[in-house]
Amino acid sequence: MITLTDADILTLARTCPCLVVLKLGMRNTPASLCALGFFVRRSHGLREVFLRVDARINALGISFPNDNDNDPVGLQPNTCLFKLDIGESLISLGPLRPPTAPDLMRSIPRFLHAIAPCVERIIMTADEAWLSGKYGRRWKVVSNALSVMAKDAKDEVEDRMIYLVVRFRWIYRQRDCVGPPDVCAR
């Protein structure tokens, strides 16, 4: 077992920003989602991550003290990452809608989509008992929500592209039209 703390993840992100694959499998202690977010956004060329994470109730509320790099504006989403394998990761098993906690089944996929918008689903390399157990079922809900977000984002980009092509063609026709205004308006 590799003992991996959030500080280790931060150090790895700072010292290896050009890392393409991080593959620890089931051999690491779970890292926080916050540390995963920092690592993914800091390593812009990162394409694959296989890392156990801890997504319990306080997983998104962690911040790194005295860390100038933990600036959400300065760290941009990683658009290269397409594969996220969380293995047998922890996730909250408490009530999904307690009055003092965020709805994790919504906030976790939003967080993952914000740090890596190209990830379309979460892969869970685990045995069948874990996958069908309470942790596996919760992660499937998160993965399904992430899939919907990724599809919606793709559709939005495609709609924008179609609009731009149509608009460009219209402007181009208007520029080259030398006939009367009623002919050029078509």
C-alpha atoms as a PDB file:
ATOM      1  CA  MET A   1       0.000   0.000   0.000  1.00  0.00           C
ATOM      2  CA  ILE A   2       1.301   3.429  -0.942  1.00  0.00           C
ATOM      3  CA  THR A   3       0.540   6.005   1.725  1.00  0.00           C
ATOM      4  CA  LEU A   4      -0.388   9.088  -0.239  1.00  0.00           C
ATOM      5  CA  THR A   5      -1.455  12.295   1.473  1.00  0.00           C
ATOM      6  CA  ASP A   6      -2.961  15.407  -0.063  1.00  0.00           C
ATOM      7  CA  ALA A   7       0.403  17.118   0.473  1.00  0.00           C
ATOM      8  CA  ASP A   8       2.028  14.365  -1.607  1.00  0.00           C
ATOM      9  CA  ILE A   9      -0.485  14.977  -4.402  1.00  0.00           C
ATOM     10  CA  LEU A  10       0.272  18.716  -4.296  1.00  0.00           C
ATOM     11  CA  THR A  11       4.003  18.030  -4.452  1.00  0.00           C
ATOM     12  CA  LEU A  12       3.518  15.631  -7.366  1.00  0.00           C
ATOM     13  CA  ALA A  13       1.422  18.226  -9.222  1.00  0.00           C
ATOM     14  CA  ARG A  14       4.074  20.908  -8.734  1.00  0.00           C
ATOM     15  CA  THR A  15       7.079  18.751  -9.599  1.00  0.00           C
ATOM     16  CA  CYS A  16       5.563  16.801 -12.506  1.00  0.00           C
ATOM     17  CA  PRO A  17       3.201  19.208 -14.327  1.00  0.00           C
ATOM     18  CA  CYS A  18       3.799  17.415 -17.647  1.00  0.00           C
ATOM     19  CA  LEU A  19       2.672  14.014 -16.379  1.00  0.00           C
ATOM     20  CA  VAL A  20       0.447  12.220 -18.917  1.00  0.00           C
ATOM     21  CA  VAL A  21      -0.652   9.133 -16.933  1.00  0.00           C
ATOM     22  CA  LEU A  22      -1.005   8.643 -13.180  1.00  0.00           C
ATOM     23  CA  LYS A  23      -1.701   4.994 -12.503  1.00  0.00           C
ATOM     24  CA  LEU A  24      -1.566   3.946  -8.871  1.00  0.00           C
ATOM     25  CA  GLY A  25      -4.478   1.529  -9.052  1.00  0.00           C
ATOM     26  CA  MET A  26      -5.659   0.154  -5.759  1.00  0.00           C
ATOM     27  CA  ARG A  27      -2.271   0.609  -4.127  1.00  0.00           C
ATOM     28  CA  ASN A  28      -2.766   4.095  -2.666  1.00  0.00           C
ATOM     29  CA  THR A  29      -4.542   5.464   0.350  1.00  0.00           C
ATOM     30  CA  PRO A  30      -7.498   7.559  -0.848  1.00  0.00           C
ATOM     31  CA  ALA A  31      -6.729  11.169  -1.786  1.00  0.00           C
ATOM     32  CA  SER A  32      -9.313  13.908  -1.268  1.00  0.00           C
ATOM     33  CA  LEU A  33     -11.378  15.148  -4.198  1.00  0.00           C
ATOM     34  CA  CYS A  34      -9.860  18.575  -3.603  1.00  0.00           C
ATOM     35  CA  ALA A  35      -6.350  17.173  -4.076  1.00  0.00           C
ATOM     36  CA  LEU A  36      -7.490  15.306  -7.202  1.00  0.00           C
ATOM     37  CA  GLY A  37      -8.949  18.561  -8.541  1.00  0.00           C
ATOM     38  CA  PHE A  38      -5.715  20.449  -7.929  1.00  0.00           C
ATOM     39  CA  PHE A  39      -3.640  17.701  -9.528  1.00  0.00           C
ATOM     40  CA  VAL A  40      -5.858  17.380 -12.610  1.00  0.00           C
ATOM     41  CA  ARG A  41      -6.028  21.138 -13.221  1.00  0.00           C
ATOM     42  CA  ARG A  42      -2.310  21.646 -12.588  1.00  0.00           C
ATOM     43  CA  SER A  43      -1.245  18.821 -14.959  1.00  0.00           C
ATOM     44  CA  HIS A  44      -2.619  20.135 -18.257  1.00  0.00           C
ATOM     45  CA  GLY A  45      -1.316  17.223 -20.345  1.00  0.00           C
ATOM     46  CA  LEU A  46      -2.748  14.576 -18.031  1.00  0.00           C
ATOM     47  CA  ARG A  47      -4.841  12.089 -20.018  1.00  0.00           C
ATOM     48  CA  GLU A  48      -5.432   9.162 -17.624  1.00  0.00           C
ATOM     49  CA  VAL A  49      -5.796   8.918 -13.852  1.00  0.00           C
ATOM     50  CA  PHE A  50      -6.189   5.711 -11.886  1.00  0.00           C
ATOM     51  CA  LEU A  51      -6.337   6.784  -8.255  1.00  0.00           C
ATOM     52  CA  ARG A  52      -8.472   5.980  -5.221  1.00  0.00           C
ATOM     53  CA  VAL A  53     -10.255   9.046  -3.838  1.00  0.00           C
ATOM     54  CA  ASP A  54     -12.194   9.953  -0.727  1.00  0.00           C
ATOM     55  CA  ALA A  55     -15.579  11.512  -1.562  1.00  0.00           C
ATOM     56  CA  ARG A  56     -17.183  11.571   1.840  1.00  0.00           C
ATOM     57  CA  ILE A  57     -19.272  14.465   3.218  1.00  0.00           C
ATOM     58  CA  ASN A  58     -16.374  16.902   3.741  1.00  0.00           C
ATOM     59  CA  ALA A  59     -14.498  15.902   0.570  1.00  0.00           C
ATOM     60  CA  LEU A  60     -15.199  19.119  -1.316  1.00  0.00           C
ATOM     61  CA  GLY A  61     -14.791  21.436   1.650  1.00  0.00           C
ATOM     62  CA  ILE A  62     -11.055  20.896   2.075  1.00  0.00           C
ATOM     63  CA  SER A  63      -8.746  23.748   1.142  1.00  0.00           C
ATOM     64  CA  PHE A  64      -4.998  23.954   1.179  1.00  0.00           C
ATOM     65  CA  PRO A  65      -3.675  26.615   3.559  1.00  0.00           C
ATOM     66  CA  ASN A  66      -1.013  29.046   2.313  1.00  0.00           C
ATOM     67  CA  ASP A  67      -1.178  27.723  -1.216  1.00  0.00           C
ATOM     68  CA  ASN A  68      -1.115  30.410  -3.886  1.00  0.00           C
ATOM     69  CA  ASP A  69      -1.715  27.772  -6.567  1.00  0.00           C
ATOM     70  CA  ASN A  70      -5.106  26.843  -5.086  1.00  0.00           C
ATOM     71  CA  ASP A  71      -6.743  29.667  -7.006  1.00  0.00           C
ATOM     72  CA  PRO A  72      -9.832  28.505  -8.922  1.00  0.00           C
ATOM     73  CA  VAL A  73      -9.365  31.307 -11.444  1.00  0.00           C
ATOM     74  CA  GLY A  74      -5.690  30.540 -12.071  1.00  0.00           C
ATOM     75  CA  LEU A  75      -6.097  26.793 -12.526  1.00  0.00           C
ATOM     76  CA  GLN A  76      -8.022  26.029 -15.695  1.00  0.00           C
ATOM     77  CA  PRO A  77      -9.924  22.784 -16.415  1.00  0.00           C
ATOM     78  CA  ASN A  78      -7.963  19.933 -17.922  1.00  0.00           C
ATOM     79  CA  THR A  79      -9.391  19.300 -21.389  1.00  0.00           C
ATOM     80  CA  CYS A  80      -6.988  16.428 -22.126  1.00  0.00           C
ATOM     81  CA  LEU A  81      -8.139  14.079 -19.361  1.00  0.00           C
ATOM     82  CA  PHE A  82     -10.537  11.485 -20.722  1.00  0.00           C
ATOM     83  CA  LYS A  83     -10.079   8.503 -18.398  1.00  0.00           C
ATOM     84  CA  LEU A  84     -10.730   8.597 -14.656  1.00  0.00           C
ATOM     85  CA  ASP A  85     -10.594   5.275 -12.823  1.00  0.00           C
ATOM     86  CA  ILE A  86     -11.340   5.566  -9.115  1.00  0.00           C
ATOM     87  CA  GLY A  87     -11.072   1.883  -8.248  1.00  0.00           C
ATOM     88  CA  GLU A  88     -12.748   1.094  -4.917  1.00  0.00           C
ATOM     89  CA  SER A  89     -13.039   4.680  -3.692  1.00  0.00           C
ATOM     90  CA  LEU A  90     -14.932   5.938  -0.677  1.00  0.00           C
ATOM     91  CA  ILE A  91     -18.096   8.000  -1.044  1.00  0.00           C
ATOM     92  CA  SER A  92     -20.554   9.281   1.524  1.00  0.00           C
ATOM     93  CA  LEU A  93     -23.035   6.710   2.767  1.00  0.00           C
ATOM     94  CA  GLY A  94     -25.063   9.077   4.923  1.00  0.00           C
ATOM     95  CA  PRO A  95     -28.349  10.637   3.888  1.00  0.00           C
ATOM     96  CA  LEU A  96     -28.094  12.335   0.504  1.00  0.00           C
ATOM     97  CA  ARG A  97     -29.971  15.467   1.539  1.00  0.00           C
ATOM     98  CA  PRO A  98     -29.097  16.342   5.131  1.00  0.00           C
ATOM     99  CA  PRO A  99     -29.782  20.022   5.921  1.00  0.00           C
ATOM    100  CA  THR A 100     -26.126  20.762   6.672  1.00  0.00           C
ATOM    101  CA  ALA A 101     -24.464  18.966   3.758  1.00  0.00           C
ATOM    102  CA  PRO A 102     -24.540  19.457  -0.011  1.00  0.00           C
ATOM    103  CA  ASP A 103     -26.254  16.915  -2.186  1.00  0.00           C
ATOM    104  CA  LEU A 104     -23.173  14.900  -3.035  1.00  0.00           C
ATOM    105  CA  MET A 105     -24.813  13.101  -5.923  1.00  0.00           C
ATOM    106  CA  ARG A 106     -24.941  16.495  -7.660  1.00  0.00           C
ATOM    107  CA  SER A 107     -21.911  18.326  -6.296  1.00  0.00           C
ATOM    108  CA  ILE A 108     -19.389  15.549  -6.980  1.00  0.00           C
ATOM    109  CA  PRO A 109     -20.231  15.183 -10.699  1.00  0.00           C
ATOM    110  CA  ARG A 110     -20.331  18.990 -11.057  1.00  0.00           C
ATOM    111  CA  PHE A 111     -16.910  19.209  -9.448  1.00  0.00           C
ATOM    112  CA  LEU A 112     -15.472  16.461 -11.667  1.00  0.00           C
ATOM    113  CA  HIS A 113     -16.979  18.041 -14.778  1.00  0.00           C
ATOM    114  CA  ALA A 114     -15.534  21.426 -13.818  1.00  0.00           C
ATOM    115  CA  ILE A 115     -11.985  20.084 -13.437  1.00  0.00           C
ATOM    116  CA  ALA A 116     -12.089  17.717 -16.446  1.00  0.00           C
ATOM    117  CA  PRO A 117     -14.957  18.460 -18.857  1.00  0.00           C
ATOM    118  CA  CYS A 118     -13.949  15.720 -21.315  1.00  0.00           C
ATOM    119  CA  VAL A 119     -14.386  12.874 -18.811  1.00  0.00           C
ATOM    120  CA  GLU A 120     -17.643  11.234 -19.865  1.00  0.00           C
ATOM    121  CA  ARG A 121     -17.872   8.614 -17.141  1.00  0.00           C
ATOM    122  CA  ILE A 122     -16.074   7.232 -14.137  1.00  0.00           C
ATOM    123  CA  ILE A 123     -14.430   3.865 -14.467  1.00  0.00           C
ATOM    124  CA  MET A 124     -14.429   1.659 -11.385  1.00  0.00           C
ATOM    125  CA  THR A 125     -11.918  -1.174 -11.504  1.00  0.00           C
ATOM    126  CA  ALA A 126     -13.205  -3.308  -8.667  1.00  0.00           C
ATOM    127  CA  ASP A 127     -14.608  -6.729  -7.916  1.00  0.00           C
ATOM    128  CA  GLU A 128     -18.278  -7.466  -8.555  1.00  0.00           C
ATOM    129  CA  ALA A 129     -19.184  -7.443  -4.854  1.00  0.00           C
ATOM    130  CA  TRP A 130     -17.881  -3.881  -4.461  1.00  0.00           C
ATOM    131  CA  LEU A 131     -19.551  -2.698  -7.688  1.00  0.00           C
ATOM    132  CA  SER A 132     -22.941  -4.019  -6.596  1.00  0.00           C
ATOM    133  CA  GLY A 133     -22.459  -2.825  -3.009  1.00  0.00           C
ATOM    134  CA  LYS A 134     -23.378   0.527  -1.521  1.00  0.00           C
ATOM    135  CA  TYR A 135     -20.186   2.347  -2.608  1.00  0.00           C
ATOM    136  CA  GLY A 136     -20.360   1.028  -6.160  1.00  0.00           C
ATOM    137  CA  ARG A 137     -24.035   1.982  -6.527  1.00  0.00           C
ATOM    138  CA  ARG A 138     -23.367   5.524  -5.308  1.00  0.00           C
ATOM    139  CA  TRP A 139     -20.447   5.933  -7.727  1.00  0.00           C
ATOM    140  CA  LYS A 140     -22.667   4.701 -10.574  1.00  0.00           C
ATOM    141  CA  VAL A 141     -25.112   7.532  -9.786  1.00  0.00           C
ATOM    142  CA  VAL A 142     -22.215  10.017  -9.903  1.00  0.00           C
ATOM    143  CA  SER A 143     -20.936   8.512 -13.164  1.00  0.00           C
ATOM    144  CA  ASN A 144     -24.381   8.690 -14.782  1.00  0.00           C
ATOM    145  CA  ALA A 145     -24.772  12.346 -13.786  1.00  0.00           C
ATOM    146  CA  LEU A 146     -21.293  13.079 -15.157  1.00  0.00           C
ATOM    147  CA  SER A 147     -22.243  11.412 -18.452  1.00  0.00           C
ATOM    148  CA  VAL A 148     -25.291  13.652 -18.794  1.00  0.00           C
ATOM    149  CA  MET A 149     -23.201  16.756 -18.075  1.00  0.00           C
ATOM    150  CA  ALA A 150     -20.560  15.762 -20.640  1.00  0.00           C
ATOM    151  CA  LYS A 151     -23.223  15.067 -23.282  1.00  0.00           C
ATOM    152  CA  ASP A 152     -24.956  18.387 -22.603  1.00  0.00           C
ATOM    153  CA  ALA A 153     -21.633  20.228 -22.877  1.00  0.00           C
ATOM    154  CA  LYS A 154     -20.867  18.513 -26.204  1.00  0.00           C
ATOM    155  CA  ASP A 155     -24.325  19.362 -27.540  1.00  0.00           C
ATOM    156  CA  GLU A 156     -23.878  22.987 -26.495  1.00  0.00           C
ATOM    157  CA  VAL A 157     -20.539  23.216 -28.306  1.00  0.00           C
ATOM    158  CA  GLU A 158     -22.029  21.631 -31.434  1.00  0.00           C
ATOM    159  CA  ASP A 159     -24.971  24.069 -31.341  1.00  0.00           C
ATOM    160  CA  ARG A 160     -22.558  27.004 -31.048  1.00  0.00           C
ATOM    161  CA  MET A 161     -20.498  25.711 -33.956  1.00  0.00           C
ATOM    162  CA  ILE A 162     -23.585  25.359 -36.157  1.00  0.00           C
ATOM    163  CA  TYR A 163     -24.692  28.884 -35.235  1.00  0.00           C
ATOM    164  CA  LEU A 164     -21.242  30.296 -36.062  1.00  0.00           C
ATOM    165  CA  VAL A 165     -21.115  28.531 -39.426  1.00  0.00           C
ATOM    166  CA  VAL A 166     -24.586  29.805 -40.386  1.00  0.00           C
ATOM    167  CA  ARG A 167     -23.741  33.317 -39.182  1.00  0.00           C
ATOM    168  CA  PHE A 168     -20.424  33.316 -41.031  1.00  0.00           C
ATOM    169  CA  ARG A 169     -22.097  32.217 -44.259  1.00  0.00           C
ATOM    170  CA  TRP A 170     -24.720  34.965 -43.914  1.00  0.00           C
ATOM    171  CA  ILE A 171     -22.070  37.642 -43.269  1.00  0.00           C
ATOM    172  CA  TYR A 172     -19.968  36.367 -46.165  1.00  0.00           C
ATOM    173  CA  ARG A 173     -22.974  36.522 -48.522  1.00  0.00           C
ATOM    174  CA  GLN A 174     -23.833  40.025 -47.341  1.00  0.00           C
ATOM    175  CA  ARG A 175     -20.296  41.207 -47.950  1.00  0.00           C
ATOM    176  CA  ASP A 176     -20.148  39.839 -51.499  1.00  0.00           C
ATOM    177  CA  CYS A 177     -23.678  40.828 -52.542  1.00  0.00           C
ATOM    178  CA  VAL A 178     -23.799  43.664 -55.069  1.00  0.00           C
ATOM    179  CA  GLY A 179     -27.484  43.486 -56.035  1.00  0.00           C
ATOM    180  CA  PRO A 180     -30.516  45.350 -54.689  1.00  0.00           C
ATOM    181  CA  PRO A 181     -31.106  45.080 -50.887  1.00  0.00           C
ATOM    182  CA  ASP A 182     -34.048  42.697 -51.254  1.00  0.00           C
ATOM    183  CA  VAL A 183     -31.850  40.202 -53.186  1.00  0.00           C
ATOM    184  CA  CYS A 184     -28.972  40.505 -50.722  1.00  0.00           C
ATOM    185  CA  ALA A 185     -31.213  39.863 -47.716  1.00  0.00           C
ATOM    186  CA  ARG A 186     -31.823  36.256 -48.767  1.00  0.00           C
END
